[in-house]
Amino acid sequence: VFDTGFWKHLIIVLTHIDKGMAELQFKNSNKLKQIQQDIDKLSNGINKNVSVIPIGLDNYDDKLQLFINNIPNQKYECKNIQSPINDLNEKKEEIERQESQVQARIDEISAKISQIDQEIQTLSA
């Protein structure tokens, strides 16, 4: 499903890996190796050493810097994953156009009603 560029740009951030017991459990469980093997398998060997960054509250600054250092210099745009924002904005604009047209029609009808009310009051007087 994903192309070579996706796998080469992949960075995995694991949260709630604070210093101390959680970090020790992470290291002892061999999770890093397991994740890298899983990604290697999923990527058909394209990404054998995916960047996996365990991060917690007490090591946030250091790990954030590590994350920043792992971001590739060249931006990558995955064709298989697209943000729905553009489509949603287009739909929103179309709805706003329709709403504007409906409001204009309401204003037109309200003006006619006011005119008719005025004529009725004139005739009633």
C-alpha atoms as a PDB file:
ATOM      1  CA  VAL A   1       0.000   0.000   0.000  1.00  0.00           C
ATOM      2  CA  PHE A   2       2.807   2.433   0.888  1.00  0.00           C
ATOM      3  CA  ASP A   3       5.662   3.255  -1.417  1.00  0.00           C
ATOM      4  CA  THR A   4       9.395   3.314  -0.721  1.00  0.00           C
ATOM      5  CA  GLY A   5       9.385   6.986   0.272  1.00  0.00           C
ATOM      6  CA  PHE A   6       6.873   6.382   3.044  1.00  0.00           C
ATOM      7  CA  TRP A   7       8.941   3.648   4.638  1.00  0.00           C
ATOM      8  CA  LYS A   8      12.167   5.632   4.382  1.00  0.00           C
ATOM      9  CA  HIS A   9      10.571   8.641   6.105  1.00  0.00           C
ATOM     10  CA  LEU A  10       8.808   6.678   8.841  1.00  0.00           C
ATOM     11  CA  ILE A  11       9.583   7.625  12.449  1.00  0.00           C
ATOM     12  CA  ILE A  12       7.801   5.833  15.285  1.00  0.00           C
ATOM     13  CA  VAL A  13       7.300   7.656  18.573  1.00  0.00           C
ATOM     14  CA  LEU A  14       6.299   5.551  21.564  1.00  0.00           C
ATOM     15  CA  THR A  15       4.796   7.516  24.424  1.00  0.00           C
ATOM     16  CA  HIS A  16       4.652   6.868  28.182  1.00  0.00           C
ATOM     17  CA  ILE A  17       8.224   5.523  28.266  1.00  0.00           C
ATOM     18  CA  ASP A  18       9.479   7.555  31.220  1.00  0.00           C
ATOM     19  CA  LYS A  19      12.895   7.153  32.776  1.00  0.00           C
ATOM     20  CA  GLY A  20      13.082   4.429  35.344  1.00  0.00           C
ATOM     21  CA  MET A  21      10.824   1.377  35.388  1.00  0.00           C
ATOM     22  CA  ALA A  22       8.979   2.054  32.116  1.00  0.00           C
ATOM     23  CA  GLU A  23      12.222   2.648  30.231  1.00  0.00           C
ATOM     24  CA  LEU A  24      13.800  -0.435  31.798  1.00  0.00           C
ATOM     25  CA  GLN A  25      10.792  -2.568  30.863  1.00  0.00           C
ATOM     26  CA  PHE A  26      10.947  -1.235  27.322  1.00  0.00           C
ATOM     27  CA  LYS A  27      14.626  -2.108  26.990  1.00  0.00           C
ATOM     28  CA  ASN A  28      14.269  -5.532  28.629  1.00  0.00           C
ATOM     29  CA  SER A  29      11.216  -6.504  26.593  1.00  0.00           C
ATOM     30  CA  ASN A  30      13.148  -6.238  23.328  1.00  0.00           C
ATOM     31  CA  LYS A  31      10.279  -4.113  21.937  1.00  0.00           C
ATOM     32  CA  LEU A  32      12.637  -2.000  19.837  1.00  0.00           C
ATOM     33  CA  LYS A  33      13.941  -5.025  17.959  1.00  0.00           C
ATOM     34  CA  GLN A  34      10.422  -6.432  17.612  1.00  0.00           C
ATOM     35  CA  ILE A  35       9.084  -3.172  16.168  1.00  0.00           C
ATOM     36  CA  GLN A  36      11.995  -2.885  13.753  1.00  0.00           C
ATOM     37  CA  GLN A  37      11.456  -6.479  12.605  1.00  0.00           C
ATOM     38  CA  ASP A  38       7.740  -5.821  12.116  1.00  0.00           C
ATOM     39  CA  ILE A  39       8.437  -2.699  10.054  1.00  0.00           C
ATOM     40  CA  ASP A  40      11.092  -4.539   8.053  1.00  0.00           C
ATOM     41  CA  LYS A  41       8.507  -7.203   7.248  1.00  0.00           C
ATOM     42  CA  LEU A  42       5.729  -4.693   6.470  1.00  0.00           C
ATOM     43  CA  SER A  43       8.030  -2.633   4.258  1.00  0.00           C
ATOM     44  CA  ASN A  44       9.350  -5.686   2.412  1.00  0.00           C
ATOM     45  CA  GLY A  45      12.870  -4.932   3.593  1.00  0.00           C
ATOM     46  CA  ILE A  46      12.870  -1.250   2.646  1.00  0.00           C
ATOM     47  CA  ASN A  47      13.215  -0.006   6.213  1.00  0.00           C
ATOM     48  CA  LYS A  48      15.315  -2.385   8.318  1.00  0.00           C
ATOM     49  CA  ASN A  49      16.237   0.207  10.957  1.00  0.00           C
ATOM     50  CA  VAL A  50      13.173   2.373  11.451  1.00  0.00           C
ATOM     51  CA  SER A  51      13.693   5.204  13.923  1.00  0.00           C
ATOM     52  CA  VAL A  52      11.848   4.293  17.120  1.00  0.00           C
ATOM     53  CA  ILE A  53      11.856   7.005  19.758  1.00  0.00           C
ATOM     54  CA  PRO A  54      10.567   6.140  23.233  1.00  0.00           C
ATOM     55  CA  ILE A  55       9.441   9.319  24.959  1.00  0.00           C
ATOM     56  CA  GLY A  56       8.097  10.208  28.391  1.00  0.00           C
ATOM     57  CA  LEU A  57       7.400  13.278  30.468  1.00  0.00           C
ATOM     58  CA  ASP A  58      10.728  13.261  32.241  1.00  0.00           C
ATOM     59  CA  ASN A  59      12.827  12.789  29.095  1.00  0.00           C
ATOM     60  CA  TYR A  60      10.695  14.868  26.757  1.00  0.00           C
ATOM     61  CA  ASP A  61      13.230  17.561  25.848  1.00  0.00           C
ATOM     62  CA  ASP A  62      16.020  15.112  25.030  1.00  0.00           C
ATOM     63  CA  LYS A  63      13.747  12.807  23.054  1.00  0.00           C
ATOM     64  CA  LEU A  64      12.132  15.711  21.231  1.00  0.00           C
ATOM     65  CA  GLN A  65      15.585  16.784  20.075  1.00  0.00           C
ATOM     66  CA  LEU A  66      16.277  13.192  19.001  1.00  0.00           C
ATOM     67  CA  PHE A  67      13.015  13.224  17.031  1.00  0.00           C
ATOM     68  CA  ILE A  68      13.956  16.522  15.369  1.00  0.00           C
ATOM     69  CA  ASN A  69      17.373  15.128  14.455  1.00  0.00           C
ATOM     70  CA  ASN A  70      15.679  12.124  12.796  1.00  0.00           C
ATOM     71  CA  ILE A  71      13.421  14.170  10.530  1.00  0.00           C
ATOM     72  CA  PRO A  72      14.671  13.791   6.950  1.00  0.00           C
ATOM     73  CA  ASN A  73      15.788  16.966   5.204  1.00  0.00           C
ATOM     74  CA  GLN A  74      13.613  16.330   2.197  1.00  0.00           C
ATOM     75  CA  LYS A  75       9.859  16.669   2.645  1.00  0.00           C
ATOM     76  CA  TYR A  76       7.833  13.657   1.567  1.00  0.00           C
ATOM     77  CA  GLU A  77       4.200  13.650   0.551  1.00  0.00           C
ATOM     78  CA  CYS A  78       2.563  10.254   0.592  1.00  0.00           C
ATOM     79  CA  LYS A  79       0.101   9.864  -2.273  1.00  0.00           C
ATOM     80  CA  ASN A  80      -1.839   7.171  -0.404  1.00  0.00           C
ATOM     81  CA  ILE A  81      -2.546   9.333   2.624  1.00  0.00           C
ATOM     82  CA  GLN A  82      -4.258  12.617   1.913  1.00  0.00           C
ATOM     83  CA  SER A  83      -5.666  15.105   4.361  1.00  0.00           C
ATOM     84  CA  PRO A  84      -9.417  15.546   4.012  1.00  0.00           C
ATOM     85  CA  ILE A  85      -9.045  19.266   4.807  1.00  0.00           C
ATOM     86  CA  ASN A  86      -9.051  20.456   1.177  1.00  0.00           C
ATOM     87  CA  ASP A  87     -12.138  18.424   0.298  1.00  0.00           C
ATOM     88  CA  LEU A  88     -13.884  19.563   3.468  1.00  0.00           C
ATOM     89  CA  ASN A  89     -13.028  23.207   2.762  1.00  0.00           C
ATOM     90  CA  GLU A  90     -14.462  22.903  -0.754  1.00  0.00           C
ATOM     91  CA  LYS A  91     -17.665  21.373   0.626  1.00  0.00           C
ATOM     92  CA  LYS A  92     -17.858  24.092   3.276  1.00  0.00           C
ATOM     93  CA  GLU A  93     -17.470  26.809   0.634  1.00  0.00           C
ATOM     94  CA  GLU A  94     -20.206  25.238  -1.489  1.00  0.00           C
ATOM     95  CA  ILE A  95     -22.532  25.054   1.521  1.00  0.00           C
ATOM     96  CA  GLU A  96     -21.745  28.687   2.346  1.00  0.00           C
ATOM     97  CA  ARG A  97     -22.559  29.685  -1.273  1.00  0.00           C
ATOM     98  CA  GLN A  98     -25.861  27.817  -1.058  1.00  0.00           C
ATOM     99  CA  GLU A  99     -26.588  29.369   2.323  1.00  0.00           C
ATOM    100  CA  SER A 100     -25.886  32.807   0.893  1.00  0.00           C
ATOM    101  CA  GLN A 101     -28.279  32.174  -1.998  1.00  0.00           C
ATOM    102  CA  VAL A 102     -30.977  30.944   0.372  1.00  0.00           C
ATOM    103  CA  GLN A 103     -30.458  33.962   2.636  1.00  0.00           C
ATOM    104  CA  ALA A 104     -30.721  36.287  -0.369  1.00  0.00           C
ATOM    105  CA  ARG A 105     -34.016  34.615  -1.316  1.00  0.00           C
ATOM    106  CA  ILE A 106     -35.256  34.925   2.285  1.00  0.00           C
ATOM    107  CA  ASP A 107     -34.348  38.620   2.295  1.00  0.00           C
ATOM    108  CA  GLU A 108     -36.144  39.102  -1.020  1.00  0.00           C
ATOM    109  CA  ILE A 109     -39.289  37.380   0.259  1.00  0.00           C
ATOM    110  CA  SER A 110     -39.123  39.315   3.549  1.00  0.00           C
ATOM    111  CA  ALA A 111     -38.948  42.566   1.605  1.00  0.00           C
ATOM    112  CA  LYS A 112     -42.003  41.563  -0.446  1.00  0.00           C
ATOM    113  CA  ILE A 113     -43.877  40.641   2.739  1.00  0.00           C
ATOM    114  CA  SER A 114     -42.993  44.015   4.268  1.00  0.00           C
ATOM    115  CA  GLN A 115     -44.164  45.762   1.101  1.00  0.00           C
ATOM    116  CA  ILE A 116     -47.451  43.838   1.139  1.00  0.00           C
ATOM    117  CA  ASP A 117     -47.890  44.591   4.875  1.00  0.00           C
ATOM    118  CA  GLN A 118     -47.391  48.292   4.095  1.00  0.00           C
ATOM    119  CA  GLU A 119     -49.968  48.134   1.295  1.00  0.00           C
ATOM    120  CA  ILE A 120     -52.450  46.370   3.630  1.00  0.00           C
ATOM    121  CA  GLN A 121     -51.923  49.005   6.315  1.00  0.00           C
ATOM    122  CA  THR A 122     -52.376  51.746   3.738  1.00  0.00           C
ATOM    123  CA  LEU A 123     -55.631  50.199   2.504  1.00  0.00           C
ATOM    124  CA  SER A 124     -56.848  49.592   6.068  1.00  0.00           C
ATOM    125  CA  ALA A 125     -56.337  53.179   7.096  1.00  0.00           C
END
